[in-house]
Amino acid sequence: MSEKTVEIVKQWIVKGDHDLGTAKVTYLHIPEYLDTVTFHCQQAVEKYLKSYLIFKSITFRFSHDLIYLLELIVPDDPEFETYFEIVSELQSYAVEVRYPNKTIFLSKDKVENAMKIAKEIRTLVTGKMGINIDYNKIIDDE
């Protein structure tokens, strides 16, 4: 893989980390903004999956659809098959929570699970790519 591709992959991971960090800071300091927290968790997972697609040279259309992204990955890496159910929970957070006419009940457990899923997907893709990128410690703070 070219250095340019590695750099692009890292940029996607870092942007995902910004979303995950924003989710965590918001959760810790503005706990009533649960919709914002889950939106950023979905965005982080989207970016992590796209970084992996770029790493594997798999072409994708720009979409917020996490299931679509997984469907592209699975033929190349069947281990991702187990993540369909996990990321489907985040799927609705891409659009539905962003507008006032959509109502989704977000419990503390759902929000904390969204952050956990984002971290898990990050760990999975960075591990598979052998790319280590430090992120702000706030992401792991309890």
N, C-alpha and C. Protein backbone atom coordinates (compact mmCIF):
# COMPACT_ATOMS: atom_id res chain seq x y z
N MET A 1 0.84 -1.17 0.00
CA MET A 1 0.00 0.00 0.00
C MET A 1 0.89 1.24 0.00
N SER A 2 0.48 2.21 -0.77
CA SER A 2 1.30 3.42 -0.89
C SER A 2 1.22 4.26 0.39
N GLU A 3 2.24 5.08 0.58
CA GLU A 3 2.25 5.99 1.72
C GLU A 3 1.06 6.93 1.67
N LYS A 4 0.69 7.34 0.46
CA LYS A 4 -0.45 8.24 0.29
C LYS A 4 -1.73 7.57 0.80
N THR A 5 -1.93 6.30 0.47
CA THR A 5 -3.12 5.58 0.92
C THR A 5 -3.12 5.44 2.43
N VAL A 6 -1.98 5.10 3.01
CA VAL A 6 -1.87 4.98 4.46
C VAL A 6 -2.23 6.32 5.12
N GLU A 7 -1.77 7.41 4.55
CA GLU A 7 -2.07 8.73 5.10
C GLU A 7 -3.57 9.03 5.01
N ILE A 8 -4.19 8.67 3.91
CA ILE A 8 -5.64 8.89 3.76
C ILE A 8 -6.41 8.05 4.80
N VAL A 9 -6.01 6.80 4.96
CA VAL A 9 -6.64 5.92 5.95
C VAL A 9 -6.51 6.54 7.34
N LYS A 10 -5.34 7.01 7.68
CA LYS A 10 -5.14 7.64 8.99
C LYS A 10 -6.01 8.87 9.17
N GLN A 11 -6.17 9.65 8.11
CA GLN A 11 -7.02 10.84 8.19
C GLN A 11 -8.47 10.45 8.49
N TRP A 12 -8.95 9.39 7.88
CA TRP A 12 -10.31 8.92 8.16
C TRP A 12 -10.44 8.47 9.62
N ILE A 13 -9.43 7.78 10.12
CA ILE A 13 -9.47 7.32 11.52
C ILE A 13 -9.48 8.53 12.46
N VAL A 14 -8.62 9.49 12.20
CA VAL A 14 -8.56 10.68 13.04
C VAL A 14 -9.90 11.43 13.03
N LYS A 15 -10.52 11.55 11.86
CA LYS A 15 -11.83 12.21 11.79
C LYS A 15 -12.87 11.41 12.59
N GLY A 16 -12.78 10.10 12.53
CA GLY A 16 -13.66 9.27 13.35
C GLY A 16 -13.41 9.50 14.83
N ASP A 17 -12.14 9.62 15.18
CA ASP A 17 -11.78 9.89 16.58
C ASP A 17 -12.35 11.24 17.04
N HIS A 18 -12.37 12.21 16.14
CA HIS A 18 -12.95 13.52 16.49
C HIS A 18 -14.44 13.35 16.80
N ASP A 19 -15.12 12.54 16.00
CA ASP A 19 -16.54 12.29 16.28
C ASP A 19 -16.72 11.56 17.61
N LEU A 20 -15.92 10.54 17.83
CA LEU A 20 -16.04 9.79 19.08
C LEU A 20 -15.68 10.66 20.28
N GLY A 21 -14.65 11.47 20.14
CA GLY A 21 -14.27 12.39 21.22
C GLY A 21 -15.36 13.42 21.49
N THR A 22 -15.97 13.92 20.43
CA THR A 22 -17.07 14.88 20.59
C THR A 22 -18.25 14.22 21.30
N ALA A 23 -18.53 12.97 20.95
CA ALA A 23 -19.60 12.23 21.62
C ALA A 23 -19.31 12.12 23.11
N LYS A 24 -18.09 11.75 23.45
CA LYS A 24 -17.73 11.54 24.85
C LYS A 24 -17.75 12.84 25.65
N VAL A 25 -17.19 13.90 25.11
CA VAL A 25 -17.17 15.19 25.81
C VAL A 25 -18.61 15.70 26.01
N THR A 26 -19.41 15.56 24.98
CA THR A 26 -20.81 15.99 25.08
C THR A 26 -21.53 15.18 26.14
N TYR A 27 -21.33 13.87 26.13
CA TYR A 27 -21.97 13.01 27.12
C TYR A 27 -21.57 13.40 28.55
N LEU A 28 -20.30 13.68 28.73
CA LEU A 28 -19.81 14.02 30.07
C LEU A 28 -20.24 15.40 30.55
N HIS A 29 -20.36 16.35 29.62
CA HIS A 29 -20.59 17.74 30.02
C HIS A 29 -21.96 18.30 29.67
N ILE A 30 -22.65 17.69 28.73
CA ILE A 30 -24.00 18.13 28.38
C ILE A 30 -24.86 16.87 28.22
N PRO A 31 -25.10 16.17 29.32
CA PRO A 31 -25.74 14.85 29.24
C PRO A 31 -27.14 14.85 28.63
N GLU A 32 -27.79 15.99 28.57
CA GLU A 32 -29.12 16.02 27.96
C GLU A 32 -29.08 16.00 26.43
N TYR A 33 -27.91 16.11 25.84
CA TYR A 33 -27.76 16.10 24.38
C TYR A 33 -27.49 14.67 23.87
N LEU A 34 -28.30 13.75 24.30
CA LEU A 34 -28.08 12.35 23.94
C LEU A 34 -28.16 12.11 22.44
N ASP A 35 -29.01 12.86 21.76
CA ASP A 35 -29.11 12.70 20.30
C ASP A 35 -27.81 13.07 19.62
N THR A 36 -27.15 14.11 20.10
CA THR A 36 -25.87 14.54 19.53
C THR A 36 -24.80 13.48 19.79
N VAL A 37 -24.83 12.90 20.97
CA VAL A 37 -23.85 11.87 21.31
C VAL A 37 -23.99 10.67 20.36
N THR A 38 -25.22 10.19 20.18
CA THR A 38 -25.41 9.01 19.34
C THR A 38 -25.12 9.32 17.87
N PHE A 39 -25.45 10.53 17.43
CA PHE A 39 -25.14 10.92 16.06
C PHE A 39 -23.63 10.83 15.81
N HIS A 40 -22.85 11.36 16.74
CA HIS A 40 -21.39 11.34 16.56
C HIS A 40 -20.82 9.92 16.68
N CYS A 41 -21.45 9.07 17.45
CA CYS A 41 -21.01 7.66 17.50
C CYS A 41 -21.23 7.00 16.15
N GLN A 42 -22.39 7.24 15.55
CA GLN A 42 -22.67 6.68 14.24
C GLN A 42 -21.67 7.21 13.22
N GLN A 43 -21.39 8.50 13.28
CA GLN A 43 -20.44 9.11 12.35
C GLN A 43 -19.04 8.52 12.53
N ALA A 44 -18.65 8.26 13.77
CA ALA A 44 -17.33 7.66 14.02
C ALA A 44 -17.24 6.28 13.39
N VAL A 45 -18.26 5.46 13.60
CA VAL A 45 -18.25 4.11 13.03
C VAL A 45 -18.22 4.18 11.51
N GLU A 46 -18.99 5.07 10.95
CA GLU A 46 -18.99 5.25 9.49
C GLU A 46 -17.57 5.54 8.98
N LYS A 47 -16.87 6.43 9.64
CA LYS A 47 -15.52 6.80 9.20
C LYS A 47 -14.53 5.65 9.41
N TYR A 48 -14.67 4.93 10.51
CA TYR A 48 -13.78 3.79 10.74
C TYR A 48 -13.98 2.72 9.66
N LEU A 49 -15.24 2.43 9.33
CA LEU A 49 -15.50 1.44 8.28
C LEU A 49 -14.98 1.92 6.93
N LYS A 50 -15.15 3.19 6.64
CA LYS A 50 -14.65 3.72 5.37
C LYS A 50 -13.13 3.68 5.32
N SER A 51 -12.48 3.90 6.46
CA SER A 51 -11.01 3.81 6.48
C SER A 51 -10.58 2.40 6.10
N TYR A 52 -11.32 1.41 6.60
CA TYR A 52 -10.98 0.01 6.28
C TYR A 52 -11.24 -0.31 4.81
N LEU A 53 -12.32 0.22 4.28
CA LEU A 53 -12.60 0.02 2.85
C LEU A 53 -11.50 0.62 1.99
N ILE A 54 -11.04 1.79 2.34
CA ILE A 54 -9.94 2.43 1.60
C ILE A 54 -8.67 1.57 1.73
N PHE A 55 -8.40 1.11 2.93
CA PHE A 55 -7.24 0.25 3.17
C PHE A 55 -7.27 -1.00 2.29
N LYS A 56 -8.47 -1.58 2.13
CA LYS A 56 -8.62 -2.80 1.35
C LYS A 56 -8.85 -2.51 -0.14
N SER A 57 -8.81 -1.24 -0.51
CA SER A 57 -9.03 -0.81 -1.91
C SER A 57 -10.40 -1.25 -2.43
N ILE A 58 -11.40 -1.17 -1.57
CA ILE A 58 -12.77 -1.50 -1.94
C ILE A 58 -13.51 -0.19 -2.22
N THR A 59 -14.03 -0.08 -3.41
CA THR A 59 -14.74 1.13 -3.82
C THR A 59 -16.10 1.20 -3.12
N PHE A 60 -16.47 2.39 -2.69
CA PHE A 60 -17.76 2.59 -2.04
C PHE A 60 -18.32 3.94 -2.43
N ARG A 61 -19.65 4.03 -2.37
CA ARG A 61 -20.29 5.32 -2.59
C ARG A 61 -20.41 5.99 -1.23
N PHE A 62 -20.40 7.29 -1.23
CA PHE A 62 -20.50 8.00 0.03
C PHE A 62 -21.92 7.89 0.55
N SER A 63 -22.05 7.26 1.68
CA SER A 63 -23.34 6.95 2.27
C SER A 63 -23.17 6.89 3.78
N HIS A 64 -24.26 7.19 4.49
CA HIS A 64 -24.25 7.04 5.95
C HIS A 64 -24.71 5.65 6.38
N ASP A 65 -24.96 4.80 5.41
CA ASP A 65 -25.53 3.48 5.65
C ASP A 65 -24.46 2.49 6.11
N LEU A 66 -24.46 2.21 7.40
CA LEU A 66 -23.44 1.31 7.97
C LEU A 66 -23.61 -0.12 7.48
N ILE A 67 -24.85 -0.54 7.24
CA ILE A 67 -25.10 -1.89 6.74
C ILE A 67 -24.50 -2.04 5.35
N TYR A 68 -24.70 -1.04 4.51
CA TYR A 68 -24.12 -1.04 3.17
C TYR A 68 -22.60 -1.17 3.24
N LEU A 69 -21.98 -0.41 4.14
CA LEU A 69 -20.52 -0.46 4.27
C LEU A 69 -20.06 -1.85 4.72
N LEU A 70 -20.77 -2.44 5.67
CA LEU A 70 -20.42 -3.80 6.10
C LEU A 70 -20.61 -4.80 4.97
N GLU A 71 -21.67 -4.63 4.19
CA GLU A 71 -21.91 -5.55 3.07
C GLU A 71 -20.75 -5.53 2.07
N LEU A 72 -20.10 -4.40 1.95
CA LEU A 72 -18.93 -4.31 1.07
C LEU A 72 -17.71 -4.99 1.67
N ILE A 73 -17.60 -4.96 2.97
CA ILE A 73 -16.43 -5.51 3.66
C ILE A 73 -16.50 -7.02 3.79
N VAL A 74 -17.68 -7.56 4.12
CA VAL A 74 -17.83 -8.98 4.46
C VAL A 74 -17.28 -9.95 3.42
N PRO A 75 -17.50 -9.74 2.11
CA PRO A 75 -16.93 -10.70 1.15
C PRO A 75 -15.40 -10.80 1.24
N ASP A 76 -14.76 -9.72 1.62
CA ASP A 76 -13.31 -9.70 1.75
C ASP A 76 -12.86 -10.14 3.14
N ASP A 77 -13.69 -9.89 4.14
CA ASP A 77 -13.33 -10.20 5.52
C ASP A 77 -14.57 -10.67 6.27
N PRO A 78 -14.86 -11.97 6.24
CA PRO A 78 -16.08 -12.52 6.85
C PRO A 78 -16.23 -12.26 8.34
N GLU A 79 -15.15 -11.93 9.04
CA GLU A 79 -15.26 -11.65 10.47
C GLU A 79 -16.23 -10.50 10.75
N PHE A 80 -16.36 -9.59 9.80
CA PHE A 80 -17.25 -8.44 9.98
C PHE A 80 -18.72 -8.85 9.97
N GLU A 81 -19.03 -10.05 9.52
CA GLU A 81 -20.41 -10.55 9.49
C GLU A 81 -21.08 -10.43 10.86
N THR A 82 -20.31 -10.63 11.91
CA THR A 82 -20.87 -10.60 13.26
C THR A 82 -21.24 -9.18 13.72
N TYR A 83 -20.89 -8.18 12.96
CA TYR A 83 -21.14 -6.80 13.37
C TYR A 83 -22.43 -6.20 12.79
N PHE A 84 -23.15 -6.93 11.95
CA PHE A 84 -24.38 -6.38 11.36
C PHE A 84 -25.38 -5.97 12.44
N GLU A 85 -25.63 -6.86 13.37
CA GLU A 85 -26.61 -6.57 14.42
C GLU A 85 -26.13 -5.43 15.31
N ILE A 86 -24.85 -5.42 15.60
CA ILE A 86 -24.29 -4.40 16.48
C ILE A 86 -24.41 -3.01 15.86
N VAL A 87 -24.01 -2.87 14.59
CA VAL A 87 -24.05 -1.54 13.99
C VAL A 87 -25.45 -1.13 13.56
N SER A 88 -26.35 -2.10 13.42
CA SER A 88 -27.71 -1.73 13.03
C SER A 88 -28.35 -0.84 14.08
N GLU A 89 -27.94 -0.99 15.33
CA GLU A 89 -28.45 -0.11 16.39
C GLU A 89 -28.05 1.34 16.13
N LEU A 90 -26.86 1.53 15.60
CA LEU A 90 -26.38 2.89 15.31
C LEU A 90 -26.96 3.47 14.02
N GLN A 91 -27.46 2.60 13.17
CA GLN A 91 -27.91 3.01 11.84
C GLN A 91 -28.89 4.19 11.89
N SER A 92 -29.86 4.13 12.77
CA SER A 92 -30.88 5.18 12.83
C SER A 92 -30.34 6.49 13.38
N TYR A 93 -29.21 6.46 14.00
CA TYR A 93 -28.65 7.68 14.58
C TYR A 93 -28.03 8.60 13.53
N ALA A 94 -27.91 8.13 12.30
CA ALA A 94 -27.31 8.95 11.24
C ALA A 94 -28.22 10.09 10.84
N VAL A 95 -29.49 9.83 10.76
CA VAL A 95 -30.40 10.84 10.25
C VAL A 95 -31.54 11.11 11.23
N GLU A 96 -32.14 10.06 11.75
CA GLU A 96 -33.36 10.23 12.53
C GLU A 96 -33.21 11.14 13.74
N VAL A 97 -32.06 11.15 14.38
CA VAL A 97 -31.91 11.98 15.58
C VAL A 97 -31.55 13.42 15.25
N ARG A 98 -31.31 13.72 14.00
CA ARG A 98 -30.82 15.05 13.63
C ARG A 98 -31.93 16.07 13.44
N TYR A 99 -33.16 15.64 13.33
CA TYR A 99 -34.24 16.56 12.99
C TYR A 99 -35.33 16.51 14.05
N PRO A 100 -35.98 17.65 14.29
CA PRO A 100 -36.96 17.71 15.38
C PRO A 100 -38.22 16.90 15.16
N ASN A 101 -38.55 16.54 13.95
CA ASN A 101 -39.78 15.79 13.71
C ASN A 101 -39.61 14.28 13.90
N LYS A 102 -38.41 13.85 14.24
CA LYS A 102 -38.16 12.43 14.50
C LYS A 102 -37.92 12.25 15.99
N THR A 103 -38.58 11.27 16.58
CA THR A 103 -38.40 11.02 18.00
C THR A 103 -37.88 9.61 18.20
N ILE A 104 -36.76 9.52 18.86
CA ILE A 104 -36.18 8.23 19.22
C ILE A 104 -35.90 8.29 20.72
N PHE A 105 -36.33 7.29 21.44
CA PHE A 105 -36.05 7.25 22.86
C PHE A 105 -34.61 6.79 23.05
N LEU A 106 -33.84 7.61 23.72
CA LEU A 106 -32.44 7.28 23.96
C LEU A 106 -32.20 7.18 25.46
N SER A 107 -32.02 5.97 25.93
CA SER A 107 -31.70 5.75 27.33
C SER A 107 -30.20 5.94 27.54
N LYS A 108 -29.82 6.08 28.77
CA LYS A 108 -28.39 6.18 29.12
C LYS A 108 -27.66 4.92 28.64
N ASP A 109 -28.29 3.76 28.80
CA ASP A 109 -27.68 2.51 28.36
C ASP A 109 -27.44 2.49 26.85
N LYS A 110 -28.42 2.95 26.07
CA LYS A 110 -28.28 2.99 24.61
C LYS A 110 -27.14 3.91 24.20
N VAL A 111 -27.05 5.04 24.87
CA VAL A 111 -26.01 6.01 24.52
C VAL A 111 -24.63 5.46 24.88
N GLU A 112 -24.52 4.88 26.06
CA GLU A 112 -23.24 4.30 26.46
C GLU A 112 -22.86 3.13 25.55
N ASN A 113 -23.85 2.38 25.12
CA ASN A 113 -23.58 1.28 24.19
C ASN A 113 -23.11 1.80 22.84
N ALA A 114 -23.67 2.90 22.39
CA ALA A 114 -23.24 3.50 21.13
C ALA A 114 -21.76 3.89 21.20
N MET A 115 -21.35 4.46 22.32
CA MET A 115 -19.93 4.81 22.48
C MET A 115 -19.06 3.56 22.52
N LYS A 116 -19.55 2.53 23.19
CA LYS A 116 -18.80 1.26 23.27
C LYS A 116 -18.64 0.65 21.88
N ILE A 117 -19.71 0.64 21.10
CA ILE A 117 -19.66 0.09 19.75
C ILE A 117 -18.64 0.84 18.90
N ALA A 118 -18.66 2.16 18.98
CA ALA A 118 -17.72 2.96 18.19
C ALA A 118 -16.28 2.61 18.55
N LYS A 119 -16.00 2.49 19.84
CA LYS A 119 -14.64 2.13 20.26
C LYS A 119 -14.28 0.72 19.79
N GLU A 120 -15.24 -0.19 19.85
CA GLU A 120 -14.99 -1.57 19.42
C GLU A 120 -14.68 -1.64 17.93
N ILE A 121 -15.43 -0.93 17.13
CA ILE A 121 -15.18 -0.91 15.69
C ILE A 121 -13.83 -0.27 15.40
N ARG A 122 -13.50 0.78 16.12
CA ARG A 122 -12.19 1.41 15.94
C ARG A 122 -11.07 0.42 16.23
N THR A 123 -11.18 -0.28 17.34
CA THR A 123 -10.17 -1.26 17.72
C THR A 123 -10.06 -2.36 16.66
N LEU A 124 -11.20 -2.82 16.18
CA LEU A 124 -11.22 -3.87 15.17
C LEU A 124 -10.49 -3.43 13.90
N VAL A 125 -10.88 -2.29 13.34
CA VAL A 125 -10.30 -1.90 12.05
C VAL A 125 -8.84 -1.49 12.17
N THR A 126 -8.49 -0.77 13.23
CA THR A 126 -7.08 -0.38 13.35
C THR A 126 -6.20 -1.61 13.59
N GLY A 127 -6.72 -2.58 14.33
CA GLY A 127 -5.98 -3.82 14.55
C GLY A 127 -5.78 -4.59 13.26
N LYS A 128 -6.82 -4.70 12.47
CA LYS A 128 -6.72 -5.43 11.20
C LYS A 128 -5.79 -4.72 10.22
N MET A 129 -5.73 -3.42 10.30
CA MET A 129 -4.86 -2.67 9.39
C MET A 129 -3.45 -2.53 9.93
N GLY A 130 -3.25 -2.86 11.20
CA GLY A 130 -1.93 -2.71 11.81
C GLY A 130 -1.53 -1.25 11.93
N ILE A 131 -2.53 -0.40 12.12
CA ILE A 131 -2.27 1.04 12.23
C ILE A 131 -2.56 1.46 13.65
N ASN A 132 -1.58 2.08 14.27
CA ASN A 132 -1.75 2.55 15.64
C ASN A 132 -1.77 4.07 15.63
N ILE A 133 -2.88 4.62 16.01
CA ILE A 133 -3.03 6.07 16.09
C ILE A 133 -3.53 6.39 17.49
N ASP A 134 -2.76 7.16 18.23
CA ASP A 134 -3.20 7.56 19.56
C ASP A 134 -4.36 8.52 19.42
N TYR A 135 -5.29 8.44 20.36
CA TYR A 135 -6.37 9.40 20.40
C TYR A 135 -6.43 10.02 21.77
N ASN A 136 -7.21 11.06 21.87
CA ASN A 136 -7.32 11.79 23.12
C ASN A 136 -7.84 10.86 24.21
N LYS A 137 -7.24 10.92 25.37
CA LYS A 137 -7.60 10.03 26.47
C LYS A 137 -9.05 10.20 26.92
N ILE A 138 -9.69 11.32 26.55
CA ILE A 138 -11.08 11.54 26.96
C ILE A 138 -11.96 10.41 26.46
N ILE A 139 -11.61 9.80 25.35
CA ILE A 139 -12.44 8.73 24.79
C ILE A 139 -12.53 7.55 25.74
N ASP A 140 -11.48 7.30 26.51
CA ASP A 140 -11.49 6.17 27.44
C ASP A 140 -11.86 6.55 28.87
N ASP A 141 -11.97 7.83 29.16
CA ASP A 141 -12.33 8.25 30.51
C ASP A 141 -13.74 7.79 30.84
N GLU A 142 -13.92 7.41 32.07
CA GLU A 142 -15.27 6.97 32.52
C GLU A 142 -16.05 8.13 33.06
